[in-house]
């Protein structure tokens, strides 16, 4: 029975990891893809604007 106790934690972790990967893959795309892309684009634009702002004021 010791071998069962030794194998349970890795099996549970493997099942949890597979479930995580399946969830990540399923959440990619779909009806929320454009909203997620827009949020990322807005965040990148804010970061780019914040990075360029000190140069504009310093020149």
C-alpha atoms as a PDB file:
ATOM      1  CA  UNK A   1       0.000   0.000   0.000  1.00  0.00           C
ATOM      2  CA  UNK A   2       2.962   2.338   0.363  1.00  0.00           C
ATOM      3  CA  UNK A   3       3.289   2.526  -3.408  1.00  0.00           C
ATOM      4  CA  UNK A   4      -0.299   3.805  -3.681  1.00  0.00           C
ATOM      5  CA  UNK A   5       0.416   6.545  -1.153  1.00  0.00           C
ATOM      6  CA  UNK A   6       3.581   7.431  -3.063  1.00  0.00           C
ATOM      7  CA  UNK A   7       1.776   7.637  -6.425  1.00  0.00           C
ATOM      8  CA  UNK A   8      -1.308   9.611  -5.364  1.00  0.00           C
ATOM      9  CA  UNK A   9       0.297  13.093  -5.070  1.00  0.00           C
ATOM     10  CA  UNK A  10       1.975  13.002  -8.521  1.00  0.00           C
ATOM     11  CA  UNK A  11      -1.201  11.699 -10.134  1.00  0.00           C
ATOM     12  CA  UNK A  12      -3.292  14.416  -8.492  1.00  0.00           C
ATOM     13  CA  UNK A  13      -0.808  17.071  -9.605  1.00  0.00           C
ATOM     14  CA  UNK A  14      -0.788  15.691 -13.158  1.00  0.00           C
ATOM     15  CA  UNK A  15      -4.592  15.769 -13.333  1.00  0.00           C
ATOM     16  CA  UNK A  16      -4.652  19.325 -11.959  1.00  0.00           C
ATOM     17  CA  UNK A  17      -2.008  20.422 -14.478  1.00  0.00           C
ATOM     18  CA  UNK A  18      -3.940  18.922 -17.391  1.00  0.00           C
ATOM     19  CA  UNK A  19      -7.121  20.624 -16.160  1.00  0.00           C
ATOM     20  CA  UNK A  20      -5.262  23.955 -15.968  1.00  0.00           C
ATOM     21  CA  UNK A  21      -3.925  23.601 -19.508  1.00  0.00           C
ATOM     22  CA  UNK A  22      -7.367  22.641 -20.852  1.00  0.00           C
ATOM     23  CA  UNK A  23      -8.903  25.677 -19.126  1.00  0.00           C
ATOM     24  CA  UNK A  24      -6.252  27.997 -20.567  1.00  0.00           C
ATOM     25  CA  UNK A  25      -6.691  26.624 -24.082  1.00  0.00           C
ATOM     26  CA  UNK A  26     -10.487  26.825 -23.905  1.00  0.00           C
ATOM     27  CA  UNK A  27     -10.391  30.427 -22.674  1.00  0.00           C
ATOM     28  CA  UNK A  28      -8.318  31.574 -25.657  1.00  0.00           C
ATOM     29  CA  UNK A  29     -10.383  33.178 -28.378  1.00  0.00           C
ATOM     30  CA  UNK A  30     -14.151  32.941 -28.378  1.00  0.00           C
ATOM     31  CA  UNK A  31     -16.543  35.815 -27.884  1.00  0.00           C
ATOM     32  CA  UNK A  32     -14.265  37.641 -25.427  1.00  0.00           C
ATOM     33  CA  UNK A  33     -11.200  37.656 -27.693  1.00  0.00           C
ATOM     34  CA  UNK A  34     -11.819  41.118 -29.147  1.00  0.00           C
ATOM     35  CA  UNK A  35     -12.484  42.581 -25.693  1.00  0.00           C
ATOM     36  CA  UNK A  36      -9.307  41.013 -24.312  1.00  0.00           C
ATOM     37  CA  UNK A  37      -7.295  42.221 -27.314  1.00  0.00           C
ATOM     38  CA  UNK A  38      -8.675  45.739 -26.894  1.00  0.00           C
ATOM     39  CA  UNK A  39      -7.716  45.753 -23.210  1.00  0.00           C
ATOM     40  CA  UNK A  40      -4.169  44.635 -24.015  1.00  0.00           C
ATOM     41  CA  UNK A  41      -3.856  47.221 -26.797  1.00  0.00           C
ATOM     42  CA  UNK A  42      -5.063  49.976 -24.436  1.00  0.00           C
ATOM     43  CA  UNK A  43      -2.592  48.913 -21.746  1.00  0.00           C
ATOM     44  CA  UNK A  44       0.263  48.864 -24.256  1.00  0.00           C
ATOM     45  CA  UNK A  45      -0.727  52.304 -25.548  1.00  0.00           C
ATOM     46  CA  UNK A  46      -0.761  53.697 -21.993  1.00  0.00           C
ATOM     47  CA  UNK A  47       2.633  52.181 -21.282  1.00  0.00           C
ATOM     48  CA  UNK A  48       4.066  53.553 -24.522  1.00  0.00           C
ATOM     49  CA  UNK A  49       2.604  56.996 -23.808  1.00  0.00           C
ATOM     50  CA  UNK A  50       4.010  57.034 -20.293  1.00  0.00           C
ATOM     51  CA  UNK A  51       7.410  56.023 -21.617  1.00  0.00           C
ATOM     52  CA  UNK A  52       7.488  58.784 -24.247  1.00  0.00           C
ATOM     53  CA  UNK A  53       6.027  61.550 -22.072  1.00  0.00           C
ATOM     54  CA  UNK A  54       9.220  62.366 -20.089  1.00  0.00           C
ATOM     55  CA  UNK A  55      11.200  62.636 -23.320  1.00  0.00           C
ATOM     56  CA  UNK A  56       8.737  65.165 -24.742  1.00  0.00           C
ATOM     57  CA  UNK A  57       8.833  67.343 -21.621  1.00  0.00           C
ATOM     58  CA  UNK A  58      12.596  67.055 -21.237  1.00  0.00           C
ATOM     59  CA  UNK A  59      13.422  68.204 -24.785  1.00  0.00           C
END
